[in-house]
Amino acid sequence: MKSLIIQDNHNGNNQHIIDEINKLLKNGKNVFLFVYMDGCGPCNSTIPKWDNIPNKLNDHDHIKHNDDVVTLRINKDLFPLLQNMGSEPAGFPSLRHVTKNQVEEFEDWKSPIKERSTDSFIKWIEDKISKKKGVKKIQVTSQKNKNKRKQRGGKWSLKYKRSINCKRPRGFSQKQHCKYGRKHSSRRKHK
């Protein structure tokens, strides 16, 4: 895993890092992007938690030794220099998972616990990597669906069909049923 921090571009020395990030994206790497704004309170409280991700990965060797994973913290002023990162963030901090042509927000992640903590970020990274690597999740089928009988015929139940009095049908549908759809049983008396 690679972890990069780009703070400002006052002296222009970050261009080689930006070129490297654009190259990583073209190669199909999983880039986890943290876009912050100077003077933003929520950004300042989230930055230490984001920067702590590489230190907390001791229990997660599959992420720590994965060359396809890049965590990146970048100032909002440098965001336009990046390619294929999606539209300009509407709010800050903005957390995104970016691969070739896909951009997914942290806020759109389907998880019951979605907080801005290091552990939550690691779970997010694990979840996104497992989906990209083709790890299949086991689907649990319930007994109800497994033993469910398929309905034969139309939308009317057999009990309802038998209850229709064709001598006095009620409504258009019952008239049509009596005229065309009713199959006479073999109980008919033969002469």
C-alpha atoms as a PDB file:
ATOM      1  CA  MET A   1       0.000   0.000   0.000  1.00  0.00           C
ATOM      2  CA  LYS A   2       1.188   3.451  -0.835  1.00  0.00           C
ATOM      3  CA  SER A   3       0.244   6.529   1.185  1.00  0.00           C
ATOM      4  CA  LEU A   4       0.674  10.029  -0.278  1.00  0.00           C
ATOM      5  CA  ILE A   5       0.059  13.518   1.102  1.00  0.00           C
ATOM      6  CA  ILE A   6      -0.066  16.625  -1.102  1.00  0.00           C
ATOM      7  CA  GLN A   7      -0.543  19.771   0.961  1.00  0.00           C
ATOM      8  CA  ASP A   8      -0.027  22.814  -1.239  1.00  0.00           C
ATOM      9  CA  ASN A   9       1.433  23.821  -4.566  1.00  0.00           C
ATOM     10  CA  HIS A  10       3.016  27.177  -3.711  1.00  0.00           C
ATOM     11  CA  ASN A  11       6.451  26.225  -5.003  1.00  0.00           C
ATOM     12  CA  GLY A  12       5.229  23.758  -7.688  1.00  0.00           C
ATOM     13  CA  ASN A  13       7.193  20.784  -6.357  1.00  0.00           C
ATOM     14  CA  ASN A  14       4.127  18.516  -6.228  1.00  0.00           C
ATOM     15  CA  GLN A  15       3.708  18.137  -9.997  1.00  0.00           C
ATOM     16  CA  HIS A  16       5.701  14.882 -10.107  1.00  0.00           C
ATOM     17  CA  ILE A  17       3.433  13.400  -7.402  1.00  0.00           C
ATOM     18  CA  ILE A  18       0.307  14.476  -9.299  1.00  0.00           C
ATOM     19  CA  ASP A  19       1.696  12.892 -12.488  1.00  0.00           C
ATOM     20  CA  GLU A  20       2.382   9.695 -10.525  1.00  0.00           C
ATOM     21  CA  ILE A  21      -1.207   9.626  -9.205  1.00  0.00           C
ATOM     22  CA  ASN A  22      -2.632  10.094 -12.710  1.00  0.00           C
ATOM     23  CA  LYS A  23      -0.401   7.229 -13.883  1.00  0.00           C
ATOM     24  CA  LEU A  24      -1.567   4.995 -11.015  1.00  0.00           C
ATOM     25  CA  LEU A  25      -5.189   5.636 -11.997  1.00  0.00           C
ATOM     26  CA  LYS A  26      -4.510   4.743 -15.620  1.00  0.00           C
ATOM     27  CA  ASN A  27      -2.981   1.458 -14.418  1.00  0.00           C
ATOM     28  CA  GLY A  28      -6.201   0.559 -12.574  1.00  0.00           C
ATOM     29  CA  LYS A  29      -5.052   1.074  -8.984  1.00  0.00           C
ATOM     30  CA  ASN A  30      -7.536   1.590  -6.136  1.00  0.00           C
ATOM     31  CA  VAL A  31      -7.073   5.213  -5.056  1.00  0.00           C
ATOM     32  CA  PHE A  32      -8.728   6.262  -1.793  1.00  0.00           C
ATOM     33  CA  LEU A  33      -8.864  10.029  -1.890  1.00  0.00           C
ATOM     34  CA  PHE A  34      -9.274  12.467   1.000  1.00  0.00           C
ATOM     35  CA  VAL A  35      -9.861  16.046  -0.216  1.00  0.00           C
ATOM     36  CA  TYR A  36      -9.611  18.690   2.493  1.00  0.00           C
ATOM     37  CA  MET A  37      -9.839  22.464   2.713  1.00  0.00           C
ATOM     38  CA  ASP A  38      -7.618  24.701   4.821  1.00  0.00           C
ATOM     39  CA  GLY A  39      -9.455  26.136   7.829  1.00  0.00           C
ATOM     40  CA  CYS A  40     -12.201  23.496   7.751  1.00  0.00           C
ATOM     41  CA  GLY A  41     -12.993  22.202  11.265  1.00  0.00           C
ATOM     42  CA  PRO A  42     -14.297  18.744  10.260  1.00  0.00           C
ATOM     43  CA  CYS A  43     -11.316  18.367   7.890  1.00  0.00           C
ATOM     44  CA  ASN A  44      -8.837  19.192  10.664  1.00  0.00           C
ATOM     45  CA  SER A  45     -10.408  16.624  12.989  1.00  0.00           C
ATOM     46  CA  THR A  46     -10.431  13.907  10.285  1.00  0.00           C
ATOM     47  CA  ILE A  47      -6.875  14.404   8.947  1.00  0.00           C
ATOM     48  CA  PRO A  48      -5.077  12.635  11.862  1.00  0.00           C
ATOM     49  CA  LYS A  49      -7.447   9.662  11.576  1.00  0.00           C
ATOM     50  CA  TRP A  50      -6.855   9.407   7.817  1.00  0.00           C
ATOM     51  CA  ASP A  51      -3.066   9.732   8.215  1.00  0.00           C
ATOM     52  CA  ASN A  52      -3.137   6.961  10.844  1.00  0.00           C
ATOM     53  CA  ILE A  53      -4.377   4.333   8.339  1.00  0.00           C
ATOM     54  CA  PRO A  54      -0.881   2.993   7.426  1.00  0.00           C
ATOM     55  CA  ASN A  55       0.012   2.637  11.142  1.00  0.00           C
ATOM     56  CA  LYS A  56      -3.159   0.649  11.940  1.00  0.00           C
ATOM     57  CA  LEU A  57      -2.731  -1.891   9.126  1.00  0.00           C
ATOM     58  CA  ASN A  58      -0.648  -4.365  11.153  1.00  0.00           C
ATOM     59  CA  ASP A  59      -3.643  -6.715  11.457  1.00  0.00           C
ATOM     60  CA  HIS A  60      -4.601  -6.264   7.805  1.00  0.00           C
ATOM     61  CA  ASP A  61      -1.712  -7.738   5.804  1.00  0.00           C
ATOM     62  CA  HIS A  62      -3.834  -8.173   2.669  1.00  0.00           C
ATOM     63  CA  ILE A  63      -4.132  -4.366   2.489  1.00  0.00           C
ATOM     64  CA  LYS A  64      -0.695  -3.498   3.855  1.00  0.00           C
ATOM     65  CA  HIS A  65       1.120  -5.565   1.215  1.00  0.00           C
ATOM     66  CA  ASN A  66      -1.294  -4.792  -1.628  1.00  0.00           C
ATOM     67  CA  ASP A  67       0.393  -2.680  -4.313  1.00  0.00           C
ATOM     68  CA  ASP A  68      -2.967  -1.804  -5.891  1.00  0.00           C
ATOM     69  CA  VAL A  69      -4.061   0.335  -2.917  1.00  0.00           C
ATOM     70  CA  VAL A  70      -3.151   4.021  -2.635  1.00  0.00           C
ATOM     71  CA  THR A  71      -4.366   6.374   0.094  1.00  0.00           C
ATOM     72  CA  LEU A  72      -4.088  10.022  -0.838  1.00  0.00           C
ATOM     73  CA  ARG A  73      -4.694  13.241   1.089  1.00  0.00           C
ATOM     74  CA  ILE A  74      -4.838  16.329  -1.100  1.00  0.00           C
ATOM     75  CA  ASN A  75      -5.664  20.007  -0.681  1.00  0.00           C
ATOM     76  CA  LYS A  76      -8.786  21.142  -2.568  1.00  0.00           C
ATOM     77  CA  ASP A  77      -6.738  23.709  -4.530  1.00  0.00           C
ATOM     78  CA  LEU A  78      -4.792  20.878  -6.202  1.00  0.00           C
ATOM     79  CA  PHE A  79      -7.839  18.726  -6.977  1.00  0.00           C
ATOM     80  CA  PRO A  80      -8.378  20.162 -10.516  1.00  0.00           C
ATOM     81  CA  LEU A  81      -4.883  18.937 -11.504  1.00  0.00           C
ATOM     82  CA  LEU A  82      -5.932  15.309 -10.981  1.00  0.00           C
ATOM     83  CA  GLN A  83      -7.508  13.402 -13.858  1.00  0.00           C
ATOM     84  CA  ASN A  84     -10.579  11.120 -13.697  1.00  0.00           C
ATOM     85  CA  MET A  85     -11.356  11.964 -10.068  1.00  0.00           C
ATOM     86  CA  GLY A  86     -14.954  12.988 -10.682  1.00  0.00           C
ATOM     87  CA  SER A  87     -16.546  16.364 -10.238  1.00  0.00           C
ATOM     88  CA  GLU A  88     -15.361  19.047  -7.850  1.00  0.00           C
ATOM     89  CA  PRO A  89     -16.344  18.124  -4.265  1.00  0.00           C
ATOM     90  CA  ALA A  90     -19.460  19.886  -2.999  1.00  0.00           C
ATOM     91  CA  GLY A  91     -18.449  19.702   0.659  1.00  0.00           C
ATOM     92  CA  PHE A  92     -15.372  19.050   2.745  1.00  0.00           C
ATOM     93  CA  PRO A  93     -13.878  16.734   3.746  1.00  0.00           C
ATOM     94  CA  SER A  94     -14.629  14.632   0.677  1.00  0.00           C
ATOM     95  CA  LEU A  95     -13.698  10.943   0.761  1.00  0.00           C
ATOM     96  CA  ARG A  96     -13.706   8.961  -2.477  1.00  0.00           C
ATOM     97  CA  HIS A  97     -12.742   5.585  -3.881  1.00  0.00           C
ATOM     98  CA  VAL A  98     -11.496   5.984  -7.440  1.00  0.00           C
ATOM     99  CA  THR A  99     -10.609   3.285  -9.966  1.00  0.00           C
ATOM    100  CA  LYS A 100     -10.239   3.721 -13.735  1.00  0.00           C
ATOM    101  CA  ASN A 101     -13.643   5.218 -14.588  1.00  0.00           C
ATOM    102  CA  GLN A 102     -15.516   4.762 -11.309  1.00  0.00           C
ATOM    103  CA  VAL A 103     -15.839   7.288  -8.514  1.00  0.00           C
ATOM    104  CA  GLU A 104     -17.654   6.287  -5.314  1.00  0.00           C
ATOM    105  CA  GLU A 105     -18.160   8.536  -2.299  1.00  0.00           C
ATOM    106  CA  PHE A 106     -17.576   7.348   1.277  1.00  0.00           C
ATOM    107  CA  GLU A 107     -21.020   8.726   2.134  1.00  0.00           C
ATOM    108  CA  ASP A 108     -22.610   6.349  -0.412  1.00  0.00           C
ATOM    109  CA  TRP A 109     -20.969   3.296   1.187  1.00  0.00           C
ATOM    110  CA  LYS A 110     -23.610   0.870   2.444  1.00  0.00           C
ATOM    111  CA  SER A 111     -22.545   0.198   6.001  1.00  0.00           C
ATOM    112  CA  PRO A 112     -24.483   0.411   9.265  1.00  0.00           C
ATOM    113  CA  ILE A 113     -21.541   2.125  10.997  1.00  0.00           C
ATOM    114  CA  LYS A 114     -20.190   4.970   8.885  1.00  0.00           C
ATOM    115  CA  GLU A 115     -18.084   7.212  11.074  1.00  0.00           C
ATOM    116  CA  ARG A 116     -14.933   9.137  10.303  1.00  0.00           C
ATOM    117  CA  SER A 117     -12.527   6.983  12.272  1.00  0.00           C
ATOM    118  CA  THR A 118      -9.418   5.059  11.245  1.00  0.00           C
ATOM    119  CA  ASP A 119     -11.135   1.695  11.809  1.00  0.00           C
ATOM    120  CA  SER A 120     -14.119   2.745   9.704  1.00  0.00           C
ATOM    121  CA  PHE A 121     -11.810   3.893   6.896  1.00  0.00           C
ATOM    122  CA  ILE A 122      -9.987   0.539   6.972  1.00  0.00           C
ATOM    123  CA  LYS A 123     -13.305  -1.352   6.796  1.00  0.00           C
ATOM    124  CA  TRP A 124     -14.305   0.825   3.839  1.00  0.00           C
ATOM    125  CA  ILE A 125     -11.024   0.045   2.053  1.00  0.00           C
ATOM    126  CA  GLU A 126     -11.403  -3.686   2.787  1.00  0.00           C
ATOM    127  CA  ASP A 127     -14.963  -3.677   1.489  1.00  0.00           C
ATOM    128  CA  LYS A 128     -14.072  -1.903  -1.748  1.00  0.00           C
ATOM    129  CA  ILE A 129     -11.014  -4.079  -2.396  1.00  0.00           C
ATOM    130  CA  SER A 130     -12.908  -7.317  -1.784  1.00  0.00           C
ATOM    131  CA  LYS A 131     -15.557  -6.228  -4.321  1.00  0.00           C
ATOM    132  CA  LYS A 132     -12.935  -5.321  -6.915  1.00  0.00           C
ATOM    133  CA  LYS A 133     -10.902  -8.497  -6.478  1.00  0.00           C
ATOM    134  CA  GLY A 134     -13.893 -10.685  -7.232  1.00  0.00           C
ATOM    135  CA  VAL A 135     -14.336 -12.136  -3.774  1.00  0.00           C
ATOM    136  CA  LYS A 136     -17.779 -13.662  -3.839  1.00  0.00           C
ATOM    137  CA  LYS A 137     -20.010 -13.107  -0.888  1.00  0.00           C
ATOM    138  CA  ILE A 138     -22.148 -16.064   0.083  1.00  0.00           C
ATOM    139  CA  GLN A 139     -25.827 -15.467  -0.453  1.00  0.00           C
ATOM    140  CA  VAL A 140     -28.060 -16.968   2.172  1.00  0.00           C
ATOM    141  CA  THR A 141     -31.361 -18.201   0.818  1.00  0.00           C
ATOM    142  CA  SER A 142     -34.193 -18.546   3.232  1.00  0.00           C
ATOM    143  CA  GLN A 143     -36.248 -21.713   3.577  1.00  0.00           C
ATOM    144  CA  LYS A 144     -39.393 -19.810   2.599  1.00  0.00           C
ATOM    145  CA  ASN A 145     -38.114 -19.022  -0.875  1.00  0.00           C
ATOM    146  CA  LYS A 146     -36.506 -22.411  -1.335  1.00  0.00           C
ATOM    147  CA  ASN A 147     -39.693 -24.421  -0.833  1.00  0.00           C
ATOM    148  CA  LYS A 148     -42.081 -21.932  -2.403  1.00  0.00           C
ATOM    149  CA  ARG A 149     -44.365 -23.462  -5.008  1.00  0.00           C
ATOM    150  CA  LYS A 150     -44.651 -21.738  -8.323  1.00  0.00           C
ATOM    151  CA  GLN A 151     -48.069 -20.461  -9.234  1.00  0.00           C
ATOM    152  CA  ARG A 152     -49.640 -22.051 -12.254  1.00  0.00           C
ATOM    153  CA  GLY A 153     -52.227 -20.379 -14.370  1.00  0.00           C
ATOM    154  CA  GLY A 154     -53.453 -16.841 -14.165  1.00  0.00           C
ATOM    155  CA  LYS A 155     -53.958 -14.418 -11.367  1.00  0.00           C
ATOM    156  CA  TRP A 156     -57.207 -15.922 -10.074  1.00  0.00           C
ATOM    157  CA  SER A 157     -57.126 -18.720  -7.552  1.00  0.00           C
ATOM    158  CA  LEU A 158     -58.802 -22.016  -8.336  1.00  0.00           C
ATOM    159  CA  LYS A 159     -61.175 -21.514  -5.421  1.00  0.00           C
ATOM    160  CA  TYR A 160     -62.279 -18.149  -6.845  1.00  0.00           C
ATOM    161  CA  LYS A 161     -62.743 -19.571 -10.332  1.00  0.00           C
ATOM    162  CA  ARG A 162     -64.967 -22.336  -9.015  1.00  0.00           C
ATOM    163  CA  SER A 163     -67.022 -19.823  -7.051  1.00  0.00           C
ATOM    164  CA  ILE A 164     -68.039 -17.883 -10.163  1.00  0.00           C
ATOM    165  CA  ASN A 165     -71.681 -18.477 -11.042  1.00  0.00           C
ATOM    166  CA  CYS A 166     -71.774 -18.477 -14.830  1.00  0.00           C
ATOM    167  CA  LYS A 167     -75.571 -18.249 -14.807  1.00  0.00           C
ATOM    168  CA  ARG A 168     -75.257 -14.795 -13.200  1.00  0.00           C
ATOM    169  CA  PRO A 169     -71.692 -13.466 -13.795  1.00  0.00           C
ATOM    170  CA  ARG A 170     -70.770 -10.239 -12.050  1.00  0.00           C
ATOM    171  CA  GLY A 171     -68.766  -7.838 -14.149  1.00  0.00           C
ATOM    172  CA  PHE A 172     -66.897  -7.995 -17.415  1.00  0.00           C
ATOM    173  CA  SER A 173     -64.084 -10.280 -16.235  1.00  0.00           C
ATOM    174  CA  GLN A 174     -66.427 -12.948 -14.933  1.00  0.00           C
ATOM    175  CA  LYS A 175     -68.480 -12.784 -18.159  1.00  0.00           C
ATOM    176  CA  GLN A 176     -65.313 -13.298 -20.199  1.00  0.00           C
ATOM    177  CA  HIS A 177     -64.266 -16.166 -17.963  1.00  0.00           C
ATOM    178  CA  CYS A 178     -67.637 -17.864 -18.392  1.00  0.00           C
ATOM    179  CA  LYS A 179     -67.690 -17.300 -22.149  1.00  0.00           C
ATOM    180  CA  TYR A 180     -64.087 -18.225 -23.068  1.00  0.00           C
ATOM    181  CA  GLY A 181     -61.989 -19.339 -20.138  1.00  0.00           C
ATOM    182  CA  ARG A 182     -64.074 -21.817 -18.230  1.00  0.00           C
ATOM    183  CA  LYS A 183     -63.104 -25.392 -18.845  1.00  0.00           C
ATOM    184  CA  HIS A 184     -65.933 -27.763 -18.237  1.00  0.00           C
ATOM    185  CA  SER A 185     -65.061 -30.589 -15.925  1.00  0.00           C
ATOM    186  CA  SER A 186     -65.439 -34.251 -16.770  1.00  0.00           C
ATOM    187  CA  ARG A 187     -68.304 -34.432 -14.296  1.00  0.00           C
ATOM    188  CA  ARG A 188     -70.743 -33.709 -17.111  1.00  0.00           C
ATOM    189  CA  LYS A 189     -73.392 -36.209 -17.624  1.00  0.00           C
ATOM    190  CA  HIS A 190     -73.024 -38.037 -20.909  1.00  0.00           C
ATOM    191  CA  LYS A 191     -76.215 -38.975 -22.758  1.00  0.00           C
END
